[in-house]
Amino acid sequence: MANYKHLPARIVYNWADIYSQQLKSGENYGQLKPTYAIWLLAENFIPVDKRVQPPLQTARRPRPHV
Protein backbone atom coordinates (compact mmCIF):
# COMPACT_ATOMS: atom_id res chain seq x y z
CA MET A 1 0.00 0.00 0.00
CA ALA A 2 2.97 2.30 0.54
CA ASN A 3 3.43 2.51 -3.25
CA TYR A 4 0.03 4.18 -3.57
CA LYS A 5 0.47 6.92 -0.96
CA HIS A 6 -0.11 9.74 -3.47
CA LEU A 7 -2.50 7.90 -5.79
CA PRO A 8 -5.70 9.60 -4.51
CA ALA A 9 -4.22 13.03 -5.32
CA ARG A 10 -3.11 11.79 -8.76
CA ILE A 11 -6.59 10.44 -9.49
CA VAL A 12 -8.24 13.75 -8.60
CA TYR A 13 -5.63 15.75 -10.55
CA ASN A 14 -6.05 13.66 -13.70
CA TRP A 15 -9.85 13.78 -13.44
CA ALA A 16 -9.78 17.57 -13.00
CA ASP A 17 -7.51 17.92 -16.02
CA ILE A 18 -9.92 15.92 -18.20
CA TYR A 19 -12.93 17.81 -16.81
CA SER A 20 -11.36 21.23 -17.39
CA GLN A 21 -10.56 20.44 -21.04
CA GLN A 22 -14.28 20.66 -21.86
CA LEU A 23 -14.30 24.47 -21.69
CA LYS A 24 -12.31 27.27 -23.21
CA SER A 25 -11.69 30.57 -21.46
CA GLY A 26 -14.92 32.56 -21.04
CA GLU A 27 -17.32 29.68 -21.72
CA ASN A 28 -20.28 28.95 -19.43
CA TYR A 29 -19.84 26.30 -16.72
CA GLY A 30 -23.33 25.04 -17.58
CA GLN A 31 -21.82 23.41 -20.67
CA LEU A 32 -19.79 20.95 -18.58
CA LYS A 33 -20.79 17.31 -18.96
CA PRO A 34 -20.28 14.55 -16.36
CA THR A 35 -16.80 13.07 -16.43
CA TYR A 36 -15.72 9.74 -14.99
CA ALA A 37 -12.28 8.41 -14.13
CA ILE A 38 -11.81 4.65 -14.07
CA TRP A 39 -8.52 3.26 -12.80
CA LEU A 40 -7.55 -0.40 -13.12
CA LEU A 41 -4.99 -1.44 -10.54
CA ALA A 42 -2.89 -4.59 -10.29
CA GLU A 43 -3.65 -4.91 -6.57
CA ASN A 44 -6.22 -3.73 -4.03
CA PHE A 45 -6.06 -0.02 -3.34
CA ILE A 46 -8.34 -0.25 -0.30
CA PRO A 47 -7.45 -2.93 2.25
CA VAL A 48 -10.06 -5.69 2.40
CA ASP A 49 -11.61 -6.45 5.79
CA LYS A 50 -12.70 -10.09 5.55
CA ARG A 51 -15.05 -9.60 8.51
CA VAL A 52 -17.24 -7.24 6.47
CA GLN A 53 -19.07 -8.25 3.30
CA PRO A 54 -20.43 -5.19 1.46
CA PRO A 55 -23.90 -5.65 -0.06
CA LEU A 56 -24.03 -6.14 -3.81
CA GLN A 57 -25.63 -3.15 -5.48
CA THR A 58 -26.52 -2.67 -9.11
CA ALA A 59 -27.72 0.45 -10.85
CA ARG A 60 -31.29 0.10 -12.02
CA ARG A 61 -32.49 2.52 -14.65
CA PRO A 62 -36.00 2.60 -16.02
CA ARG A 63 -36.17 1.15 -19.51
CA PRO A 64 -37.41 3.52 -22.20
CA HIS A 65 -40.69 2.58 -23.82
CA VAL A 66 -40.27 1.67 -27.48
PDB file of N, CA and C in Angstrom:
ATOM      1  N   MET A   1       0.817  -1.196   0.000  1.00  0.00           N
ATOM      2  CA  MET A   1       0.000   0.000   0.000  1.00  0.00           C
ATOM      3  C   MET A   1       0.859   1.257   0.000  1.00  0.00           C
ATOM      4  N   ALA A   2       2.083   1.142   0.481  1.00  0.00           N
ATOM      5  CA  ALA A   2       2.971   2.303   0.538  1.00  0.00           C
ATOM      6  C   ALA A   2       3.236   2.880  -0.852  1.00  0.00           C
ATOM      7  N   ASN A   3       3.187   2.027  -1.890  1.00  0.00           N
ATOM      8  CA  ASN A   3       3.426   2.508  -3.250  1.00  0.00           C
ATOM      9  C   ASN A   3       2.325   3.444  -3.744  1.00  0.00           C
ATOM     10  N   TYR A   4       1.176   3.395  -3.111  1.00  0.00           N
ATOM     11  CA  TYR A   4       0.028   4.180  -3.568  1.00  0.00           C
ATOM     12  C   TYR A   4      -0.268   5.381  -2.674  1.00  0.00           C
ATOM     13  N   LYS A   5       0.696   5.830  -1.907  1.00  0.00           N
ATOM     14  CA  LYS A   5       0.472   6.923  -0.958  1.00  0.00           C
ATOM     15  C   LYS A   5      -0.136   8.159  -1.628  1.00  0.00           C
ATOM     16  N   HIS A   6       0.342   8.520  -2.803  1.00  0.00           N
ATOM     17  CA  HIS A   6      -0.108   9.741  -3.469  1.00  0.00           C
ATOM     18  C   HIS A   6      -1.121   9.471  -4.592  1.00  0.00           C
ATOM     19  N   LEU A   7      -1.569   8.237  -4.715  1.00  0.00           N
ATOM     20  CA  LEU A   7      -2.497   7.903  -5.795  1.00  0.00           C
ATOM     21  C   LEU A   7      -3.827   8.663  -5.710  1.00  0.00           C
ATOM     22  N   PRO A   8      -4.447   8.837  -4.533  1.00  0.00           N
ATOM     23  CA  PRO A   8      -5.702   9.603  -4.509  1.00  0.00           C
ATOM     24  C   PRO A   8      -5.547  11.010  -5.088  1.00  0.00           C
ATOM     25  N   ALA A   9      -4.456  11.687  -4.779  1.00  0.00           N
ATOM     26  CA  ALA A   9      -4.220  13.031  -5.322  1.00  0.00           C
ATOM     27  C   ALA A   9      -4.022  12.965  -6.834  1.00  0.00           C
ATOM     28  N   ARG A  10      -3.326  11.944  -7.316  1.00  0.00           N
ATOM     29  CA  ARG A  10      -3.109  11.794  -8.757  1.00  0.00           C
ATOM     30  C   ARG A  10      -4.430  11.547  -9.484  1.00  0.00           C
ATOM     31  N   ILE A  11      -5.284  10.720  -8.893  1.00  0.00           N
ATOM     32  CA  ILE A  11      -6.594  10.438  -9.493  1.00  0.00           C
ATOM     33  C   ILE A  11      -7.405  11.718  -9.632  1.00  0.00           C
ATOM     34  N   VAL A  12      -7.470  12.498  -8.567  1.00  0.00           N
ATOM     35  CA  VAL A  12      -8.238  13.752  -8.599  1.00  0.00           C
ATOM     36  C   VAL A  12      -7.624  14.730  -9.597  1.00  0.00           C
ATOM     37  N   TYR A  13      -6.305  14.839  -9.615  1.00  0.00           N
ATOM     38  CA  TYR A  13      -5.631  15.751 -10.547  1.00  0.00           C
ATOM     39  C   TYR A  13      -5.942  15.374 -11.993  1.00  0.00           C
ATOM     40  N   ASN A  14      -5.794  14.098 -12.320  1.00  0.00           N
ATOM     41  CA  ASN A  14      -6.054  13.659 -13.699  1.00  0.00           C
ATOM     42  C   ASN A  14      -7.510  13.846 -14.084  1.00  0.00           C
ATOM     43  N   TRP A  15      -8.433  13.558 -13.156  1.00  0.00           N
ATOM     44  CA  TRP A  15      -9.846  13.777 -13.439  1.00  0.00           C
ATOM     45  C   TRP A  15     -10.108  15.261 -13.690  1.00  0.00           C
ATOM     46  N   ALA A  16      -9.567  16.127 -12.848  1.00  0.00           N
ATOM     47  CA  ALA A  16      -9.783  17.567 -12.997  1.00  0.00           C
ATOM     48  C   ALA A  16      -9.221  18.073 -14.322  1.00  0.00           C
ATOM     49  N   ASP A  17      -8.101  17.526 -14.746  1.00  0.00           N
ATOM     50  CA  ASP A  17      -7.510  17.921 -16.024  1.00  0.00           C
ATOM     51  C   ASP A  17      -8.445  17.562 -17.177  1.00  0.00           C
ATOM     52  N   ILE A  18      -8.980  16.342 -17.160  1.00  0.00           N
ATOM     53  CA  ILE A  18      -9.918  15.916 -18.203  1.00  0.00           C
ATOM     54  C   ILE A  18     -11.180  16.786 -18.168  1.00  0.00           C
ATOM     55  N   TYR A  19     -11.700  17.018 -16.982  1.00  0.00           N
ATOM     56  CA  TYR A  19     -12.927  17.806 -16.812  1.00  0.00           C
ATOM     57  C   TYR A  19     -12.734  19.232 -17.325  1.00  0.00           C
ATOM     58  N   SER A  20     -11.595  19.826 -17.015  1.00  0.00           N
ATOM     59  CA  SER A  20     -11.359  21.229 -17.391  1.00  0.00           C
ATOM     60  C   SER A  20     -11.156  21.400 -18.894  1.00  0.00           C
ATOM     61  N   GLN A  21     -10.790  20.346 -19.596  1.00  0.00           N
ATOM     62  CA  GLN A  21     -10.561  20.443 -21.038  1.00  0.00           C
ATOM     63  C   GLN A  21     -11.855  20.609 -21.829  1.00  0.00           C
ATOM     64  N   GLN A  22     -12.994  20.509 -21.173  1.00  0.00           N
ATOM     65  CA  GLN A  22     -14.275  20.663 -21.863  1.00  0.00           C
ATOM     66  C   GLN A  22     -14.569  22.111 -22.225  1.00  0.00           C
ATOM     67  N   LEU A  23     -13.996  23.050 -21.488  1.00  0.00           N
ATOM     68  CA  LEU A  23     -14.300  24.465 -21.691  1.00  0.00           C
ATOM     69  C   LEU A  23     -13.076  25.246 -22.125  1.00  0.00           C
ATOM     70  N   LYS A  24     -13.351  26.296 -22.881  1.00  0.00           N
ATOM     71  CA  LYS A  24     -12.311  27.265 -23.214  1.00  0.00           C
ATOM     72  C   LYS A  24     -12.561  28.503 -22.358  1.00  0.00           C
ATOM     73  N   SER A  25     -11.593  29.357 -22.269  1.00  0.00           N
ATOM     74  CA  SER A  25     -11.695  30.572 -21.462  1.00  0.00           C
ATOM     75  C   SER A  25     -12.951  31.371 -21.835  1.00  0.00           C
ATOM     76  N   GLY A  26     -13.731  31.739 -20.825  1.00  0.00           N
ATOM     77  CA  GLY A  26     -14.920  32.558 -21.042  1.00  0.00           C
ATOM     78  C   GLY A  26     -16.200  31.778 -21.301  1.00  0.00           C
ATOM     79  N   GLU A  27     -16.120  30.462 -21.465  1.00  0.00           N
ATOM     80  CA  GLU A  27     -17.322  29.676 -21.719  1.00  0.00           C
ATOM     81  C   GLU A  27     -18.082  29.412 -20.426  1.00  0.00           C
ATOM     82  N   ASN A  28     -19.375  29.135 -20.566  1.00  0.00           N
ATOM     83  CA  ASN A  28     -20.277  28.950 -19.431  1.00  0.00           C
ATOM     84  C   ASN A  28     -20.070  27.577 -18.791  1.00  0.00           C
ATOM     85  N   TYR A  29     -20.005  27.560 -17.447  1.00  0.00           N
ATOM     86  CA  TYR A  29     -19.836  26.304 -16.716  1.00  0.00           C
ATOM     87  C   TYR A  29     -21.012  25.347 -16.936  1.00  0.00           C
ATOM     88  N   GLY A  30     -22.165  25.874 -17.319  1.00  0.00           N
ATOM     89  CA  GLY A  30     -23.331  25.043 -17.579  1.00  0.00           C
ATOM     90  C   GLY A  30     -23.130  24.083 -18.742  1.00  0.00           C
ATOM     91  N   GLN A  31     -22.104  24.297 -19.532  1.00  0.00           N
ATOM     92  CA  GLN A  31     -21.822  23.415 -20.673  1.00  0.00           C
ATOM     93  C   GLN A  31     -21.042  22.165 -20.270  1.00  0.00           C
ATOM     94  N   LEU A  32     -20.570  22.112 -19.027  1.00  0.00           N
ATOM     95  CA  LEU A  32     -19.794  20.951 -18.578  1.00  0.00           C
ATOM     96  C   LEU A  32     -20.662  19.697 -18.541  1.00  0.00           C
ATOM     97  N   LYS A  33     -20.103  18.596 -18.983  1.00  0.00           N
ATOM     98  CA  LYS A  33     -20.786  17.309 -18.964  1.00  0.00           C
ATOM     99  C   LYS A  33     -20.135  16.435 -17.892  1.00  0.00           C
ATOM    100  N   PRO A  34     -20.873  15.447 -17.363  1.00  0.00           N
ATOM    101  CA  PRO A  34     -20.275  14.552 -16.362  1.00  0.00           C
ATOM    102  C   PRO A  34     -19.022  13.875 -16.920  1.00  0.00           C
ATOM    103  N   THR A  35     -18.055  13.704 -16.051  1.00  0.00           N
ATOM    104  CA  THR A  35     -16.797  13.069 -16.429  1.00  0.00           C
ATOM    105  C   THR A  35     -16.480  11.984 -15.411  1.00  0.00           C
ATOM    106  N   TYR A  36     -16.022  10.853 -15.874  1.00  0.00           N
ATOM    107  CA  TYR A  36     -15.719   9.735 -14.991  1.00  0.00           C
ATOM    108  C   TYR A  36     -14.262   9.338 -15.170  1.00  0.00           C
ATOM    109  N   ALA A  37     -13.643   8.937 -14.083  1.00  0.00           N
ATOM    110  CA  ALA A  37     -12.277   8.414 -14.132  1.00  0.00           C
ATOM    111  C   ALA A  37     -12.319   6.969 -13.636  1.00  0.00           C
ATOM    112  N   ILE A  38     -11.841   6.059 -14.447  1.00  0.00           N
ATOM    113  CA  ILE A  38     -11.809   4.647 -14.074  1.00  0.00           C
ATOM    114  C   ILE A  38     -10.345   4.210 -14.069  1.00  0.00           C
ATOM    115  N   TRP A  39      -9.909   3.716 -12.943  1.00  0.00           N
ATOM    116  CA  TRP A  39      -8.524   3.263 -12.795  1.00  0.00           C
ATOM    117  C   TRP A  39      -8.525   1.758 -12.560  1.00  0.00           C
ATOM    118  N   LEU A  40      -7.720   1.041 -13.308  1.00  0.00           N
ATOM    119  CA  LEU A  40      -7.553  -0.397 -13.120  1.00  0.00           C
ATOM    120  C   LEU A  40      -6.198  -0.619 -12.462  1.00  0.00           C
ATOM    121  N   LEU A  41      -6.214  -1.228 -11.299  1.00  0.00           N
ATOM    122  CA  LEU A  41      -4.987  -1.438 -10.544  1.00  0.00           C
ATOM    123  C   LEU A  41      -4.636  -2.915 -10.483  1.00  0.00           C
ATOM    124  N   ALA A  42      -3.370  -3.203 -10.347  1.00  0.00           N
ATOM    125  CA  ALA A  42      -2.894  -4.587 -10.286  1.00  0.00           C
ATOM    126  C   ALA A  42      -3.121  -5.207  -8.911  1.00  0.00           C
ATOM    127  N   GLU A  43      -3.407  -4.390  -7.916  1.00  0.00           N
ATOM    128  CA  GLU A  43      -3.655  -4.905  -6.571  1.00  0.00           C
ATOM    129  C   GLU A  43      -4.703  -4.034  -5.891  1.00  0.00           C
ATOM    130  N   ASN A  44      -5.184  -4.475  -4.738  1.00  0.00           N
ATOM    131  CA  ASN A  44      -6.224  -3.730  -4.028  1.00  0.00           C
ATOM    132  C   ASN A  44      -5.692  -2.404  -3.524  1.00  0.00           C
ATOM    133  N   PHE A  45      -6.419  -1.353  -3.810  1.00  0.00           N
ATOM    134  CA  PHE A  45      -6.063  -0.018  -3.340  1.00  0.00           C
ATOM    135  C   PHE A  45      -6.572   0.185  -1.917  1.00  0.00           C
ATOM    136  N   ILE A  46      -7.734  -0.352  -1.633  1.00  0.00           N
ATOM    137  CA  ILE A  46      -8.337  -0.251  -0.304  1.00  0.00           C
ATOM    138  C   ILE A  46      -8.182  -1.606   0.374  1.00  0.00           C
ATOM    139  N   PRO A  47      -7.606  -1.639   1.576  1.00  0.00           N
ATOM    140  CA  PRO A  47      -7.451  -2.926   2.254  1.00  0.00           C
ATOM    141  C   PRO A  47      -8.809  -3.611   2.459  1.00  0.00           C
ATOM    142  N   VAL A  48      -8.836  -4.916   2.264  1.00  0.00           N
ATOM    143  CA  VAL A  48     -10.061  -5.690   2.403  1.00  0.00           C
ATOM    144  C   VAL A  48     -10.175  -6.195   3.840  1.00  0.00           C
ATOM    145  N   ASP A  49     -11.326  -5.937   4.447  1.00  0.00           N
ATOM    146  CA  ASP A  49     -11.607  -6.454   5.786  1.00  0.00           C
ATOM    147  C   ASP A  49     -12.497  -7.674   5.597  1.00  0.00           C
ATOM    148  N   LYS A  50     -11.957  -8.860   5.807  1.00  0.00           N
ATOM    149  CA  LYS A  50     -12.698 -10.090   5.547  1.00  0.00           C
ATOM    150  C   LYS A  50     -13.872 -10.284   6.501  1.00  0.00           C
ATOM    151  N   ARG A  51     -13.929  -9.493   7.578  1.00  0.00           N
ATOM    152  CA  ARG A  51     -15.054  -9.603   8.510  1.00  0.00           C
ATOM    153  C   ARG A  51     -16.297  -8.897   7.973  1.00  0.00           C
ATOM    154  N   VAL A  52     -16.120  -8.032   6.982  1.00  0.00           N
ATOM    155  CA  VAL A  52     -17.238  -7.237   6.467  1.00  0.00           C
ATOM    156  C   VAL A  52     -17.467  -7.601   5.003  1.00  0.00           C
ATOM    157  N   GLN A  53     -18.701  -7.944   4.675  1.00  0.00           N
ATOM    158  CA  GLN A  53     -19.072  -8.246   3.301  1.00  0.00           C
ATOM    159  C   GLN A  53     -20.008  -7.142   2.821  1.00  0.00           C
ATOM    160  N   PRO A  54     -19.546  -6.252   1.925  1.00  0.00           N
ATOM    161  CA  PRO A  54     -20.433  -5.188   1.458  1.00  0.00           C
ATOM    162  C   PRO A  54     -21.588  -5.764   0.641  1.00  0.00           C
ATOM    163  N   PRO A  55     -22.760  -5.154   0.736  1.00  0.00           N
ATOM    164  CA  PRO A  55     -23.896  -5.651  -0.060  1.00  0.00           C
ATOM    165  C   PRO A  55     -23.668  -5.393  -1.544  1.00  0.00           C
ATOM    166  N   LEU A  56     -24.123  -6.313  -2.367  1.00  0.00           N
ATOM    167  CA  LEU A  56     -24.033  -6.143  -3.810  1.00  0.00           C
ATOM    168  C   LEU A  56     -25.099  -5.153  -4.248  1.00  0.00           C
ATOM    169  N   GLN A  57     -24.681  -4.148  -4.988  1.00  0.00           N
ATOM    170  CA  GLN A  57     -25.628  -3.147  -5.479  1.00  0.00           C
ATOM    171  C   GLN A  57     -25.447  -3.014  -6.982  1.00  0.00           C
ATOM    172  N   THR A  58     -26.558  -2.904  -7.668  1.00  0.00           N
ATOM    173  CA  THR A  58     -26.523  -2.667  -9.108  1.00  0.00           C
ATOM    174  C   THR A  58     -27.351  -1.438  -9.405  1.00  0.00           C
ATOM    175  N   ALA A  59     -26.947  -0.729 -10.427  1.00  0.00           N
ATOM    176  CA  ALA A  59     -27.720   0.450 -10.845  1.00  0.00           C
ATOM    177  C   ALA A  59     -28.915  -0.021 -11.649  1.00  0.00           C
ATOM    178  N   ARG A  60     -30.073   0.457 -11.300  1.00  0.00           N
ATOM    179  CA  ARG A  60     -31.288   0.100 -12.023  1.00  0.00           C
ATOM    180  C   ARG A  60     -31.870   1.368 -12.628  1.00  0.00           C
ATOM    181  N   ARG A  61     -31.929   1.383 -13.935  1.00  0.00           N
ATOM    182  CA  ARG A  61     -32.487   2.521 -14.650  1.00  0.00           C
ATOM    183  C   ARG A  61     -33.793   2.084 -15.305  1.00  0.00           C
ATOM    184  N   PRO A  62     -34.757   2.978 -15.326  1.00  0.00           N
ATOM    185  CA  PRO A  62     -36.000   2.604 -16.023  1.00  0.00           C
ATOM    186  C   PRO A  62     -35.733   2.422 -17.520  1.00  0.00           C
ATOM    187  N   ARG A  63     -36.331   1.399 -18.086  1.00  0.00           N
ATOM    188  CA  ARG A  63     -36.170   1.146 -19.513  1.00  0.00           C
ATOM    189  C   ARG A  63     -37.077   2.087 -20.302  1.00  0.00           C
ATOM    190  N   PRO A  64     -36.549   2.658 -21.365  1.00  0.00           N
ATOM    191  CA  PRO A  64     -37.408   3.520 -22.198  1.00  0.00           C
ATOM    192  C   PRO A  64     -38.460   2.691 -22.924  1.00  0.00           C
ATOM    193  N   HIS A  65     -39.621   3.262 -23.073  1.00  0.00           N
ATOM    194  CA  HIS A  65     -40.688   2.584 -23.821  1.00  0.00           C
ATOM    195  C   HIS A  65     -40.432   2.734 -25.302  1.00  0.00           C
ATOM    196  N   VAL A  66     -40.529   1.640 -26.023  1.00  0.00           N
ATOM    197  CA  VAL A  66     -40.267   1.670 -27.475  1.00  0.00           C
ATOM    198  C   VAL A  66     -41.559   1.747 -28.213  1.00  0.00           C
TER     199      VAL A  66
END
